[in-house]
Structure formats: C-alpha cells, structure tokens
C-alpha atoms as a PDB file:
ATOM      1  CA  MET A   1       0.000   0.000   0.000  1.00  0.00           C
ATOM      2  CA  GLU A   2       1.339   3.387  -0.967  1.00  0.00           C
ATOM      3  CA  ILE A   3       0.615   6.364   1.266  1.00  0.00           C
ATOM      4  CA  SER A   4      -0.131   9.568  -0.651  1.00  0.00           C
ATOM      5  CA  ARG A   5      -0.154  11.918   2.295  1.00  0.00           C
ATOM      6  CA  ILE A   6       0.015  11.915   6.075  1.00  0.00           C
ATOM      7  CA  TYR A   7      -2.150  14.385   7.980  1.00  0.00           C
ATOM      8  CA  TYR A   8      -1.417  15.283  11.595  1.00  0.00           C
ATOM      9  CA  HIS A   9      -4.325  15.775  13.977  1.00  0.00           C
ATOM     10  CA  PRO A  10      -3.845  18.673  16.453  1.00  0.00           C
ATOM     11  CA  GLN A  11      -3.762  16.140  19.323  1.00  0.00           C
ATOM     12  CA  PHE A  12      -0.891  14.336  17.595  1.00  0.00           C
ATOM     13  CA  ARG A  13       1.058  17.584  17.218  1.00  0.00           C
ATOM     14  CA  LYS A  14       0.536  18.486  20.889  1.00  0.00           C
ATOM     15  CA  SER A  15       1.559  15.035  22.123  1.00  0.00           C
ATOM     16  CA  PHE A  16       4.558  14.923  19.788  1.00  0.00           C
ATOM     17  CA  PHE A  17       6.039  18.154  21.130  1.00  0.00           C
ATOM     18  CA  ASP A  18       5.480  16.960  24.714  1.00  0.00           C
ATOM     19  CA  LEU A  19       7.777  13.972  24.067  1.00  0.00           C
ATOM     20  CA  SER A  20      11.493  13.953  24.809  1.00  0.00           C
ATOM     21  CA  LYS A  21      13.794  15.005  21.964  1.00  0.00           C
ATOM     22  CA  GLU A  22      15.083  11.419  21.768  1.00  0.00           C
ATOM     23  CA  ILE A  23      11.604   9.949  21.199  1.00  0.00           C
ATOM     24  CA  GLN A  24      10.785  12.734  18.707  1.00  0.00           C
ATOM     25  CA  LYS A  25      13.894  11.827  16.714  1.00  0.00           C
ATOM     26  CA  VAL A  26      13.024   8.114  16.673  1.00  0.00           C
ATOM     27  CA  ALA A  27       9.398   8.939  15.759  1.00  0.00           C
ATOM     28  CA  LYS A  28      10.520  10.973  12.737  1.00  0.00           C
ATOM     29  CA  ILE A  29      12.559   8.003  11.489  1.00  0.00           C
ATOM     30  CA  LYS A  30       9.645   5.607  12.045  1.00  0.00           C
ATOM     31  CA  ILE A  31       7.271   7.955  10.209  1.00  0.00           C
ATOM     32  CA  ILE A  32       9.586   7.868   7.172  1.00  0.00           C
ATOM     33  CA  LEU A  33       9.621   4.057   7.340  1.00  0.00           C
ATOM     34  CA  PHE A  34       5.830   4.071   7.657  1.00  0.00           C
ATOM     35  CA  LYS A  35       5.387   6.325   4.628  1.00  0.00           C
ATOM     36  CA  ASN A  36       7.517   3.973   2.525  1.00  0.00           C
ATOM     37  CA  ASN A  37       5.712   0.852   3.759  1.00  0.00           C
ATOM     38  CA  PRO A  38       3.141   1.021   6.574  1.00  0.00           C
ATOM     39  CA  PHE A  39       3.523  -2.706   7.187  1.00  0.00           C
ATOM     40  CA  THR A  40       7.306  -2.859   7.547  1.00  0.00           C
ATOM     41  CA  PRO A  41       7.795  -5.619  10.168  1.00  0.00           C
ATOM     42  CA  SER A  42       9.884  -3.406  12.483  1.00  0.00           C
ATOM     43  CA  LEU A  43       6.873  -1.096  12.962  1.00  0.00           C
ATOM     44  CA  LYS A  44       4.634  -3.910  14.234  1.00  0.00           C
ATOM     45  CA  THR A  45       1.622  -2.205  12.617  1.00  0.00           C
ATOM     46  CA  HIS A  46      -1.622  -3.664  13.901  1.00  0.00           C
ATOM     47  CA  LYS A  47      -5.350  -3.017  13.957  1.00  0.00           C
ATOM     48  CA  LEU A  48      -6.815  -2.042  17.321  1.00  0.00           C
ATOM     49  CA  PHE A  49      -9.981  -3.388  18.893  1.00  0.00           C
ATOM     50  CA  GLY A  50     -12.811  -2.392  21.216  1.00  0.00           C
ATOM     51  CA  LYS A  51     -13.679   1.300  21.139  1.00  0.00           C
ATOM     52  CA  LEU A  52     -10.671   1.879  18.842  1.00  0.00           C
ATOM     53  CA  LYS A  53     -11.599  -0.869  16.359  1.00  0.00           C
ATOM     54  CA  LYS A  54     -11.429   1.525  13.377  1.00  0.00           C
ATOM     55  CA  HIS A  55      -7.909   2.609  14.337  1.00  0.00           C
ATOM     56  CA  TRP A  56      -4.436   1.225  13.750  1.00  0.00           C
ATOM     57  CA  SER A  57      -1.191   1.566  15.669  1.00  0.00           C
ATOM     58  CA  PHE A  58       2.522   1.096  15.146  1.00  0.00           C
ATOM     59  CA  THR A  59       5.519   1.019  17.454  1.00  0.00           C
ATOM     60  CA  VAL A  60       7.848   3.990  17.772  1.00  0.00           C
ATOM     61  CA  LYS A  61      10.110   2.744  20.577  1.00  0.00           C
ATOM     62  CA  GLY A  62       9.438   0.615  23.631  1.00  0.00           C
ATOM     63  CA  GLN A  63       6.016   1.583  24.950  1.00  0.00           C
ATOM     64  CA  TYR A  64       5.549   4.504  22.521  1.00  0.00           C
ATOM     65  CA  ARG A  65       2.974   4.137  19.757  1.00  0.00           C
ATOM     66  CA  ILE A  66       1.354   6.177  17.003  1.00  0.00           C
ATOM     67  CA  ILE A  67      -2.409   5.751  16.580  1.00  0.00           C
ATOM     68  CA  PHE A  68      -3.769   6.452  13.119  1.00  0.00           C
ATOM     69  CA  VAL A  69      -6.552   5.788  10.629  1.00  0.00           C
ATOM     70  CA  PHE A  70      -6.392   5.002   6.943  1.00  0.00           C
ATOM     71  CA  ASN A  71      -8.435   7.327   4.721  1.00  0.00           C
ATOM     72  CA  ASP A  72      -8.183   6.015   1.140  1.00  0.00           C
ATOM     73  CA  ASN A  73      -4.472   6.431   0.248  1.00  0.00           C
ATOM     74  CA  ASN A  74      -3.998   8.967   3.018  1.00  0.00           C
ATOM     75  CA  VAL A  75      -3.341   8.492   6.703  1.00  0.00           C
ATOM     76  CA  ILE A  76      -4.324  10.632   9.672  1.00  0.00           C
ATOM     77  CA  PHE A  77      -2.014  10.385  12.685  1.00  0.00           C
ATOM     78  CA  LEU A  78      -4.282  10.914  15.692  1.00  0.00           C
ATOM     79  CA  ASP A  79      -1.959  10.634  18.683  1.00  0.00           C
ATOM     80  CA  ILE A  80       1.483   9.533  19.844  1.00  0.00           C
ATOM     81  CA  GLY A  81       2.621   8.410  23.263  1.00  0.00           C
ATOM     82  CA  PRO A  82       2.876   5.483  25.690  1.00  0.00           C
ATOM     83  CA  HIS A  83       0.126   2.880  26.020  1.00  0.00           C
ATOM     84  CA  ASP A  84      -1.979   5.442  27.928  1.00  0.00           C
ATOM     85  CA  ILE A  85      -3.063   6.905  24.577  1.00  0.00           C
ATOM     86  CA  TYR A  86      -5.308   3.866  24.066  1.00  0.00           C
ATOM     87  CA  LYS A  87      -7.595   5.018  26.880  1.00  0.00           C
END
C-alpha cells in the first residue's frame, strides 16, 4: 500500500512536542519508514480493537505508539505516546 499523504491531527502535534527530543527523533525516522511501507515488520503495525476498532497503531520505541486511521491512500495520525493513549 502506498501512502499519498500523512495528515497530523492537532492532538498528535501536541503530544509529539510533549515527548522527549530522543523519542521525537526516533518517531521521525519511524514515520519515514511508515510512509515507505506502513507494514514494515519493524513497525509492528496492527489493527486495534474495542472502542478503537477503526484505528491502527505502530511502534515507535518501547512503549511509545502512534495511533492512526487510513483514509483512502492517506493516513491521519491521531496521537502519539505510551500505552496510555489507548484510553
């Protein structure tokens, strides 16, 4: 699947800038990997369930994840952070 464009929800932007510089740097690298192939094995991209069943997630580093939705060939990044973002 080829991603045409990634949109960043305001909540994603806020959460991103609240992260440490180290995690921001890793996230930028992972976003590039994601844009090239959203299902690269190192990202561990997976569909969520329950109240987030229309959402997907991939691993940034350790407990940090990006939650997103597919919208045709575009993606909307909704939030980034530790597992608490699932709540």
